Every structure is written in structure tokens, then in C-alpha cells.
Amino acid sequence: MQVNTTDDMKHYLLKRGLRPRSDFAKAVGIEKPRT
């Protein structure tokens, strides 16, 4: 069984207290969500 690379990266970043650039921007409120 192969692990999803994208999902694995998300877990890896979340473990380090980080988030994907898009999610991070949304969380911080720097970048406005696209409509």
C-alpha cells in the first residue's frame, strides 16, 4: 500500500506545526480566499 505523497506532506508539515502555503495564508489572514 502506497501513501499519498500530498497527504503525507500535509501530515509532515502539521507535525512540524506548519501548514501548506494556501492553508497557512488563510489561517494567518494574509491572503484573501479566492471566490
Protein backbone atom coordinates (compact mmCIF):
# COMPACT_ATOMS: atom_id res chain seq x y z
CA MET A 1 0.00 0.00 0.00
CA GLN A 2 1.44 3.34 -1.04
CA VAL A 3 0.95 6.51 0.97
CA ASN A 4 -0.37 9.57 -0.78
CA THR A 5 2.54 11.97 -1.21
CA THR A 6 0.36 15.05 -0.80
CA ASP A 7 -1.34 13.65 2.30
CA ASP A 8 1.98 12.53 3.72
CA MET A 9 3.42 16.01 3.23
CA LYS A 10 0.42 17.55 4.98
CA HIS A 11 0.89 15.27 7.98
CA TYR A 12 4.60 16.02 7.96
CA LEU A 13 4.03 19.78 7.90
CA LEU A 14 1.28 19.57 10.51
CA LYS A 15 3.61 17.57 12.76
CA ARG A 16 6.16 20.36 12.49
CA GLY A 17 3.46 22.91 13.31
CA LEU A 18 3.33 24.14 9.74
CA ARG A 19 0.65 24.10 7.09
CA PRO A 20 0.53 24.18 3.30
CA ARG A 21 1.13 27.69 1.94
CA SER A 22 -2.53 28.16 0.99
CA ASP A 23 -3.86 26.98 4.35
CA PHE A 24 -1.17 28.92 6.18
CA ALA A 25 -2.08 32.14 4.36
CA LYS A 26 -5.76 31.60 5.16
CA ALA A 27 -5.03 30.88 8.81
CA VAL A 28 -2.87 33.98 9.17
CA GLY A 29 -5.32 36.03 7.15
CA ILE A 30 -2.72 37.43 4.78
CA GLU A 31 -4.17 36.10 1.57
CA LYS A 32 -7.87 36.51 0.89
CA PRO A 33 -9.73 33.32 -0.17
CA ARG A 34 -10.44 33.18 -3.89
CA THR A 35 -14.09 33.22 -4.88
